[in-house]
Amino acid sequence: MSNENPAGTEAAAMTRKPRGQTRRGLATREILLSSAIKLVALHGYAATTTQTVLDDAGVSRGSLLHQFPTREELMVAAAEEAMARMLAAVESGLLRHSDLLRGLMDFPNIIWRVQNDIPARAFAEIQLASRWDAGLGVGLKGAMSTVNELTSDKIRVVAEQYEIADLPGFLNEVYLLIGATQGLAIGRDLIGDKTMVTASLALLKDRFVASLRSRLSAAPQPA
């Protein structure tokens, strides 16, 4: 969320890219992850096999096995890449505004757009699958921890710049918004009640903006 770094620089760094890879190998890895993310988002975790990824990516099985020896490793890497793309999209949305505070005020709209995009849908599918796939769950823990740290660090930068009061409480509001919008995006697909989702989203926006404004007004004022 800082203007000092290009959008997504830190987010991209969280995705593990093995050292020693050739440019061609990294390009193949990117193609495979993009196909996996797209297929999981469109067809679900269970339906996305290594064969469907191979067919979509147009690469050989040997190339896939060189990058990801198991389906589990492929899916963990796809989840990490999806989260990196989500973070980059959030940061890009914030930086479109004239200043970070305006971007933060628009955070509910930004995160809602991100939650409805392909990477977020894929991540939600893989996250749900990790509940019954123990190996997948273990693989996701590190990535989730990294994402939470990056989000907290970026929010802390903005909070210090604008002297937002009660940072821990504000971080709770941010995580509540992220979790709630993810749930609304999933619920809209399952239930199809767009009116209820729209009304709920409006409540979340009002809550978040009111919380931010109250913390700005509670910040220490110059003498």
C-alpha atoms as a PDB file:
ATOM      1  CA  MET A   1       0.000   0.000   0.000  1.00  0.00           C
ATOM      2  CA  SER A   2       3.028   2.262  -0.004  1.00  0.00           C
ATOM      3  CA  ASN A   3       3.781   4.543  -2.931  1.00  0.00           C
ATOM      4  CA  GLU A   4       7.460   3.674  -2.569  1.00  0.00           C
ATOM      5  CA  ASN A   5       7.146   0.208  -4.123  1.00  0.00           C
ATOM      6  CA  PRO A   6       5.642  -0.949  -7.420  1.00  0.00           C
ATOM      7  CA  ALA A   7       2.303  -2.698  -7.036  1.00  0.00           C
ATOM      8  CA  GLY A   8       2.752  -6.340  -6.239  1.00  0.00           C
ATOM      9  CA  THR A   9       6.542  -6.312  -5.705  1.00  0.00           C
ATOM     10  CA  GLU A  10       6.339  -7.801  -2.223  1.00  0.00           C
ATOM     11  CA  ALA A  11       3.348  -9.926  -3.176  1.00  0.00           C
ATOM     12  CA  ALA A  12       5.185 -11.506  -6.067  1.00  0.00           C
ATOM     13  CA  ALA A  13       8.125 -12.272  -3.791  1.00  0.00           C
ATOM     14  CA  MET A  14       5.972 -14.490  -1.591  1.00  0.00           C
ATOM     15  CA  THR A  15       5.502 -17.048  -4.379  1.00  0.00           C
ATOM     16  CA  ARG A  16       8.247 -19.641  -4.210  1.00  0.00           C
ATOM     17  CA  LYS A  17      10.324 -19.773  -7.398  1.00  0.00           C
ATOM     18  CA  PRO A  18      13.075 -22.381  -7.139  1.00  0.00           C
ATOM     19  CA  ARG A  19      16.597 -21.118  -7.641  1.00  0.00           C
ATOM     20  CA  GLY A  20      18.511 -22.349 -10.631  1.00  0.00           C
ATOM     21  CA  GLN A  21      15.494 -22.281 -12.928  1.00  0.00           C
ATOM     22  CA  THR A  22      16.151 -21.263 -16.513  1.00  0.00           C
ATOM     23  CA  ARG A  23      14.110 -18.512 -18.087  1.00  0.00           C
ATOM     24  CA  ARG A  24      12.276 -21.156 -20.050  1.00  0.00           C
ATOM     25  CA  GLY A  25      11.641 -23.156 -16.872  1.00  0.00           C
ATOM     26  CA  LEU A  26      10.205 -20.120 -15.092  1.00  0.00           C
ATOM     27  CA  ALA A  27       8.006 -19.388 -18.098  1.00  0.00           C
ATOM     28  CA  THR A  28       6.715 -22.977 -18.052  1.00  0.00           C
ATOM     29  CA  ARG A  29       6.047 -22.708 -14.325  1.00  0.00           C
ATOM     30  CA  GLU A  30       4.062 -19.504 -14.868  1.00  0.00           C
ATOM     31  CA  ILE A  31       1.981 -21.132 -17.623  1.00  0.00           C
ATOM     32  CA  LEU A  32       1.198 -24.142 -15.432  1.00  0.00           C
ATOM     33  CA  LEU A  33       0.193 -21.996 -12.450  1.00  0.00           C
ATOM     34  CA  SER A  34      -2.005 -19.775 -14.602  1.00  0.00           C
ATOM     35  CA  SER A  35      -3.780 -22.824 -16.015  1.00  0.00           C
ATOM     36  CA  ALA A  36      -4.208 -24.375 -12.560  1.00  0.00           C
ATOM     37  CA  ILE A  37      -5.631 -21.138 -11.120  1.00  0.00           C
ATOM     38  CA  LYS A  38      -8.059 -20.722 -14.010  1.00  0.00           C
ATOM     39  CA  LEU A  39      -9.273 -24.335 -13.936  1.00  0.00           C
ATOM     40  CA  VAL A  40      -9.721 -24.457 -10.156  1.00  0.00           C
ATOM     41  CA  ALA A  41     -11.676 -21.190 -10.252  1.00  0.00           C
ATOM     42  CA  LEU A  42     -13.936 -22.332 -13.106  1.00  0.00           C
ATOM     43  CA  HIS A  43     -14.366 -26.060 -12.378  1.00  0.00           C
ATOM     44  CA  GLY A  44     -13.371 -26.597  -8.742  1.00  0.00           C
ATOM     45  CA  TYR A  45     -10.501 -28.261  -6.935  1.00  0.00           C
ATOM     46  CA  ALA A  46     -11.631 -31.864  -7.352  1.00  0.00           C
ATOM     47  CA  ALA A  47     -12.124 -31.517 -11.102  1.00  0.00           C
ATOM     48  CA  THR A  48      -8.716 -29.948 -11.662  1.00  0.00           C
ATOM     49  CA  THR A  49      -6.337 -32.855 -12.196  1.00  0.00           C
ATOM     50  CA  THR A  50      -2.767 -32.757 -13.418  1.00  0.00           C
ATOM     51  CA  GLN A  51      -4.069 -33.975 -16.791  1.00  0.00           C
ATOM     52  CA  THR A  52      -6.570 -31.134 -17.168  1.00  0.00           C
ATOM     53  CA  VAL A  53      -3.802 -28.661 -16.283  1.00  0.00           C
ATOM     54  CA  LEU A  54      -1.512 -30.279 -18.857  1.00  0.00           C
ATOM     55  CA  ASP A  55      -4.207 -30.109 -21.515  1.00  0.00           C
ATOM     56  CA  ASP A  56      -4.929 -26.449 -20.809  1.00  0.00           C
ATOM     57  CA  ALA A  57      -1.288 -25.382 -20.513  1.00  0.00           C
ATOM     58  CA  GLY A  58      -0.145 -27.315 -23.555  1.00  0.00           C
ATOM     59  CA  VAL A  59       3.072 -28.577 -21.950  1.00  0.00           C
ATOM     60  CA  SER A  60       4.505 -32.066 -21.558  1.00  0.00           C
ATOM     61  CA  ARG A  61       4.003 -34.232 -18.492  1.00  0.00           C
ATOM     62  CA  GLY A  62       7.745 -34.245 -18.006  1.00  0.00           C
ATOM     63  CA  SER A  63       7.776 -30.458 -17.812  1.00  0.00           C
ATOM     64  CA  LEU A  64       5.024 -30.499 -15.193  1.00  0.00           C
ATOM     65  CA  LEU A  65       6.733 -33.163 -13.088  1.00  0.00           C
ATOM     66  CA  HIS A  66       9.980 -31.229 -13.216  1.00  0.00           C
ATOM     67  CA  GLN A  67       8.232 -28.182 -11.754  1.00  0.00           C
ATOM     68  CA  PHE A  68       5.716 -29.941  -9.492  1.00  0.00           C
ATOM     69  CA  PRO A  69       6.405 -33.613  -8.693  1.00  0.00           C
ATOM     70  CA  THR A  70       2.959 -34.009  -7.083  1.00  0.00           C
ATOM     71  CA  ARG A  71      -0.511 -32.560  -7.581  1.00  0.00           C
ATOM     72  CA  GLU A  72      -0.376 -31.317  -3.997  1.00  0.00           C
ATOM     73  CA  GLU A  73       2.740 -29.250  -4.707  1.00  0.00           C
ATOM     74  CA  LEU A  74       1.085 -27.821  -7.812  1.00  0.00           C
ATOM     75  CA  MET A  75      -1.999 -26.794  -5.858  1.00  0.00           C
ATOM     76  CA  VAL A  76      -0.035 -25.228  -3.005  1.00  0.00           C
ATOM     77  CA  ALA A  77       1.997 -23.237  -5.530  1.00  0.00           C
ATOM     78  CA  ALA A  78      -1.215 -22.240  -7.340  1.00  0.00           C
ATOM     79  CA  ALA A  79      -2.688 -20.989  -4.056  1.00  0.00           C
ATOM     80  CA  GLU A  80       0.464 -18.987  -3.323  1.00  0.00           C
ATOM     81  CA  GLU A  81       0.435 -17.480  -6.804  1.00  0.00           C
ATOM     82  CA  ALA A  82      -3.280 -16.683  -6.513  1.00  0.00           C
ATOM     83  CA  MET A  83      -2.660 -14.851  -3.234  1.00  0.00           C
ATOM     84  CA  ALA A  84       0.245 -12.934  -4.775  1.00  0.00           C
ATOM     85  CA  ARG A  85      -2.003 -11.821  -7.638  1.00  0.00           C
ATOM     86  CA  MET A  86      -4.730 -10.811  -5.187  1.00  0.00           C
ATOM     87  CA  LEU A  87      -2.298  -8.692  -3.169  1.00  0.00           C
ATOM     88  CA  ALA A  88      -0.981  -7.068  -6.331  1.00  0.00           C
ATOM     89  CA  ALA A  89      -4.538  -6.248  -7.434  1.00  0.00           C
ATOM     90  CA  VAL A  90      -5.368  -4.703  -4.048  1.00  0.00           C
ATOM     91  CA  GLU A  91      -2.227  -2.587  -4.083  1.00  0.00           C
ATOM     92  CA  SER A  92      -2.872  -1.503  -7.661  1.00  0.00           C
ATOM     93  CA  GLY A  93      -6.411  -0.471  -6.693  1.00  0.00           C
ATOM     94  CA  LEU A  94      -5.154   1.574  -3.749  1.00  0.00           C
ATOM     95  CA  LEU A  95      -2.488   3.324  -5.817  1.00  0.00           C
ATOM     96  CA  ARG A  96      -5.022   4.444  -8.436  1.00  0.00           C
ATOM     97  CA  HIS A  97      -6.205   7.063  -5.948  1.00  0.00           C
ATOM     98  CA  SER A  98      -4.551  10.440  -5.442  1.00  0.00           C
ATOM     99  CA  ASP A  99      -3.391   9.455  -1.954  1.00  0.00           C
ATOM    100  CA  LEU A 100      -3.339   6.373   0.248  1.00  0.00           C
ATOM    101  CA  LEU A 101      -6.088   7.626   2.541  1.00  0.00           C
ATOM    102  CA  ARG A 102      -8.536   7.926  -0.345  1.00  0.00           C
ATOM    103  CA  GLY A 103      -7.496   4.476  -1.436  1.00  0.00           C
ATOM    104  CA  LEU A 104      -8.092   3.125   2.047  1.00  0.00           C
ATOM    105  CA  MET A 105     -11.563   4.696   2.107  1.00  0.00           C
ATOM    106  CA  ASP A 106     -12.263   2.795  -1.111  1.00  0.00           C
ATOM    107  CA  PHE A 107     -10.837  -0.469   0.271  1.00  0.00           C
ATOM    108  CA  PRO A 108     -14.258  -2.219   0.531  1.00  0.00           C
ATOM    109  CA  ASN A 109     -14.881  -1.710  -3.194  1.00  0.00           C
ATOM    110  CA  ILE A 110     -11.336  -2.735  -4.084  1.00  0.00           C
ATOM    111  CA  ILE A 111     -11.425  -5.941  -2.052  1.00  0.00           C
ATOM    112  CA  TRP A 112     -14.879  -6.829  -3.406  1.00  0.00           C
ATOM    113  CA  ARG A 113     -13.601  -6.601  -6.987  1.00  0.00           C
ATOM    114  CA  VAL A 114     -10.614  -8.744  -6.050  1.00  0.00           C
ATOM    115  CA  GLN A 115     -12.804 -11.370  -4.338  1.00  0.00           C
ATOM    116  CA  ASN A 116     -14.811 -11.792  -7.538  1.00  0.00           C
ATOM    117  CA  ASP A 117     -11.798 -12.263  -9.797  1.00  0.00           C
ATOM    118  CA  ILE A 118     -10.274 -15.569 -10.921  1.00  0.00           C
ATOM    119  CA  PRO A 119      -7.340 -15.729  -8.448  1.00  0.00           C
ATOM    120  CA  ALA A 120      -9.582 -15.200  -5.399  1.00  0.00           C
ATOM    121  CA  ARG A 121     -12.063 -17.811  -6.578  1.00  0.00           C
ATOM    122  CA  ALA A 122      -9.250 -20.307  -7.069  1.00  0.00           C
ATOM    123  CA  PHE A 123      -7.772 -19.541  -3.673  1.00  0.00           C
ATOM    124  CA  ALA A 124     -11.145 -20.034  -1.973  1.00  0.00           C
ATOM    125  CA  GLU A 125     -11.542 -23.436  -3.635  1.00  0.00           C
ATOM    126  CA  ILE A 126      -8.067 -24.584  -2.584  1.00  0.00           C
ATOM    127  CA  GLN A 127      -8.543 -23.184   0.906  1.00  0.00           C
ATOM    128  CA  LEU A 128     -11.754 -25.174   1.342  1.00  0.00           C
ATOM    129  CA  ALA A 129     -10.095 -28.336   0.001  1.00  0.00           C
ATOM    130  CA  SER A 130      -7.332 -27.984   2.592  1.00  0.00           C
ATOM    131  CA  ARG A 131      -9.879 -28.815   5.306  1.00  0.00           C
ATOM    132  CA  TRP A 132      -9.884 -32.472   4.272  1.00  0.00           C
ATOM    133  CA  ASP A 133      -6.470 -32.658   2.584  1.00  0.00           C
ATOM    134  CA  ALA A 134      -3.963 -32.533   5.448  1.00  0.00           C
ATOM    135  CA  GLY A 135      -0.914 -32.136   3.224  1.00  0.00           C
ATOM    136  CA  LEU A 136      -2.496 -29.274   1.364  1.00  0.00           C
ATOM    137  CA  GLY A 137      -3.393 -27.598   4.653  1.00  0.00           C
ATOM    138  CA  VAL A 138       0.193 -27.783   5.895  1.00  0.00           C
ATOM    139  CA  GLY A 139       1.457 -26.328   2.635  1.00  0.00           C
ATOM    140  CA  LEU A 140      -0.930 -23.380   2.833  1.00  0.00           C
ATOM    141  CA  LYS A 141      -0.071 -22.366   6.390  1.00  0.00           C
ATOM    142  CA  GLY A 142       3.206 -20.719   5.445  1.00  0.00           C
ATOM    143  CA  ALA A 143       1.653 -18.792   2.588  1.00  0.00           C
ATOM    144  CA  MET A 144      -1.238 -17.602   4.759  1.00  0.00           C
ATOM    145  CA  SER A 145       1.186 -16.416   7.423  1.00  0.00           C
ATOM    146  CA  THR A 146       3.178 -14.481   4.827  1.00  0.00           C
ATOM    147  CA  VAL A 147       0.067 -12.840   3.407  1.00  0.00           C
ATOM    148  CA  ASN A 148      -1.116 -11.764   6.862  1.00  0.00           C
ATOM    149  CA  GLU A 149       2.291 -10.280   7.636  1.00  0.00           C
ATOM    150  CA  LEU A 150       2.401  -8.369   4.344  1.00  0.00           C
ATOM    151  CA  THR A 151      -1.120  -7.020   4.872  1.00  0.00           C
ATOM    152  CA  SER A 152      -0.382  -5.958   8.449  1.00  0.00           C
ATOM    153  CA  ASP A 153       2.862  -4.263   7.419  1.00  0.00           C
ATOM    154  CA  LYS A 154       1.187  -2.288   4.650  1.00  0.00           C
ATOM    155  CA  ILE A 155      -1.720  -1.217   6.861  1.00  0.00           C
ATOM    156  CA  ARG A 156       0.784  -0.179   9.537  1.00  0.00           C
ATOM    157  CA  VAL A 157       2.550   2.116   7.028  1.00  0.00           C
ATOM    158  CA  VAL A 158      -0.722   3.907   6.238  1.00  0.00           C
ATOM    159  CA  ALA A 159      -1.737   4.016   9.902  1.00  0.00           C
ATOM    160  CA  GLU A 160       1.505   5.698  10.890  1.00  0.00           C
ATOM    161  CA  GLN A 161       1.342   8.168   8.016  1.00  0.00           C
ATOM    162  CA  TYR A 162      -2.176   9.320   8.919  1.00  0.00           C
ATOM    163  CA  GLU A 163      -1.919   8.661  12.663  1.00  0.00           C
ATOM    164  CA  ILE A 164      -4.839   6.230  12.678  1.00  0.00           C
ATOM    165  CA  ALA A 165      -5.738   5.430  16.286  1.00  0.00           C
ATOM    166  CA  ASP A 166      -6.062   1.871  17.662  1.00  0.00           C
ATOM    167  CA  LEU A 167      -4.094   0.019  14.988  1.00  0.00           C
ATOM    168  CA  PRO A 168      -4.871  -3.487  16.373  1.00  0.00           C
ATOM    169  CA  GLY A 169      -8.591  -2.699  16.259  1.00  0.00           C
ATOM    170  CA  PHE A 170      -8.315  -1.354  12.741  1.00  0.00           C
ATOM    171  CA  LEU A 171      -6.444  -4.459  11.587  1.00  0.00           C
ATOM    172  CA  ASN A 172      -9.353  -6.494  12.955  1.00  0.00           C
ATOM    173  CA  GLU A 173     -11.718  -4.407  10.818  1.00  0.00           C
ATOM    174  CA  VAL A 174      -9.550  -5.060   7.757  1.00  0.00           C
ATOM    175  CA  TYR A 175      -9.506  -8.837   8.309  1.00  0.00           C
ATOM    176  CA  LEU A 176     -13.228  -8.849   9.043  1.00  0.00           C
ATOM    177  CA  LEU A 177     -13.864  -7.099   5.742  1.00  0.00           C
ATOM    178  CA  ILE A 178     -11.622  -9.502   3.824  1.00  0.00           C
ATOM    179  CA  GLY A 179     -13.257 -12.573   5.355  1.00  0.00           C
ATOM    180  CA  ALA A 180     -16.793 -11.234   4.983  1.00  0.00           C
ATOM    181  CA  THR A 181     -16.375 -10.272   1.323  1.00  0.00           C
ATOM    182  CA  GLN A 182     -14.929 -13.705   0.572  1.00  0.00           C
ATOM    183  CA  GLY A 183     -17.977 -15.285   2.180  1.00  0.00           C
ATOM    184  CA  LEU A 184     -20.353 -13.001   0.287  1.00  0.00           C
ATOM    185  CA  ALA A 185     -18.689 -13.838  -3.025  1.00  0.00           C
ATOM    186  CA  ILE A 186     -19.059 -17.563  -2.354  1.00  0.00           C
ATOM    187  CA  GLY A 187     -22.618 -17.173  -1.064  1.00  0.00           C
ATOM    188  CA  ARG A 188     -23.718 -15.184  -4.086  1.00  0.00           C
ATOM    189  CA  ASP A 189     -22.629 -18.020  -6.365  1.00  0.00           C
ATOM    190  CA  LEU A 190     -24.356 -20.647  -4.239  1.00  0.00           C
ATOM    191  CA  ILE A 191     -27.566 -18.830  -3.335  1.00  0.00           C
ATOM    192  CA  GLY A 192     -27.887 -16.396  -6.208  1.00  0.00           C
ATOM    193  CA  ASP A 193     -29.598 -13.730  -4.077  1.00  0.00           C
ATOM    194  CA  LYS A 194     -27.847 -10.634  -5.421  1.00  0.00           C
ATOM    195  CA  THR A 195     -30.163  -8.254  -3.545  1.00  0.00           C
ATOM    196  CA  MET A 196     -29.159  -9.643  -0.157  1.00  0.00           C
ATOM    197  CA  VAL A 197     -25.487  -9.657  -1.113  1.00  0.00           C
ATOM    198  CA  THR A 198     -25.654  -6.039  -2.303  1.00  0.00           C
ATOM    199  CA  ALA A 199     -27.341  -4.942   0.928  1.00  0.00           C
ATOM    200  CA  SER A 200     -24.823  -6.830   3.054  1.00  0.00           C
ATOM    201  CA  LEU A 201     -21.934  -5.354   1.104  1.00  0.00           C
ATOM    202  CA  ALA A 202     -23.317  -1.846   1.673  1.00  0.00           C
ATOM    203  CA  LEU A 203     -23.397  -2.513   5.428  1.00  0.00           C
ATOM    204  CA  LEU A 204     -19.792  -3.702   5.357  1.00  0.00           C
ATOM    205  CA  LYS A 205     -18.716  -0.582   3.467  1.00  0.00           C
ATOM    206  CA  ASP A 206     -20.510   1.727   5.899  1.00  0.00           C
ATOM    207  CA  ARG A 207     -18.998  -0.063   8.888  1.00  0.00           C
ATOM    208  CA  PHE A 208     -15.475   0.045   7.509  1.00  0.00           C
ATOM    209  CA  VAL A 209     -15.554   3.717   6.498  1.00  0.00           C
ATOM    210  CA  ALA A 210     -17.170   4.730   9.807  1.00  0.00           C
ATOM    211  CA  SER A 211     -14.513   2.776  11.691  1.00  0.00           C
ATOM    212  CA  LEU A 212     -11.732   4.448   9.717  1.00  0.00           C
ATOM    213  CA  ARG A 213     -13.188   7.942  10.183  1.00  0.00           C
ATOM    214  CA  SER A 214     -13.605   7.433  13.930  1.00  0.00           C
ATOM    215  CA  ARG A 215      -9.968   6.382  14.231  1.00  0.00           C
ATOM    216  CA  LEU A 216      -8.816   9.390  12.228  1.00  0.00           C
ATOM    217  CA  SER A 217     -10.798  11.770  14.447  1.00  0.00           C
ATOM    218  CA  ALA A 218      -9.423  10.033  17.548  1.00  0.00           C
ATOM    219  CA  ALA A 219      -5.822  10.510  16.421  1.00  0.00           C
ATOM    220  CA  PRO A 220      -3.708  12.955  18.454  1.00  0.00           C
ATOM    221  CA  GLN A 221      -4.107  16.511  17.151  1.00  0.00           C
ATOM    222  CA  PRO A 222      -1.191  18.966  16.922  1.00  0.00           C
ATOM    223  CA  ALA A 223      -1.067  21.526  19.708  1.00  0.00           C
END
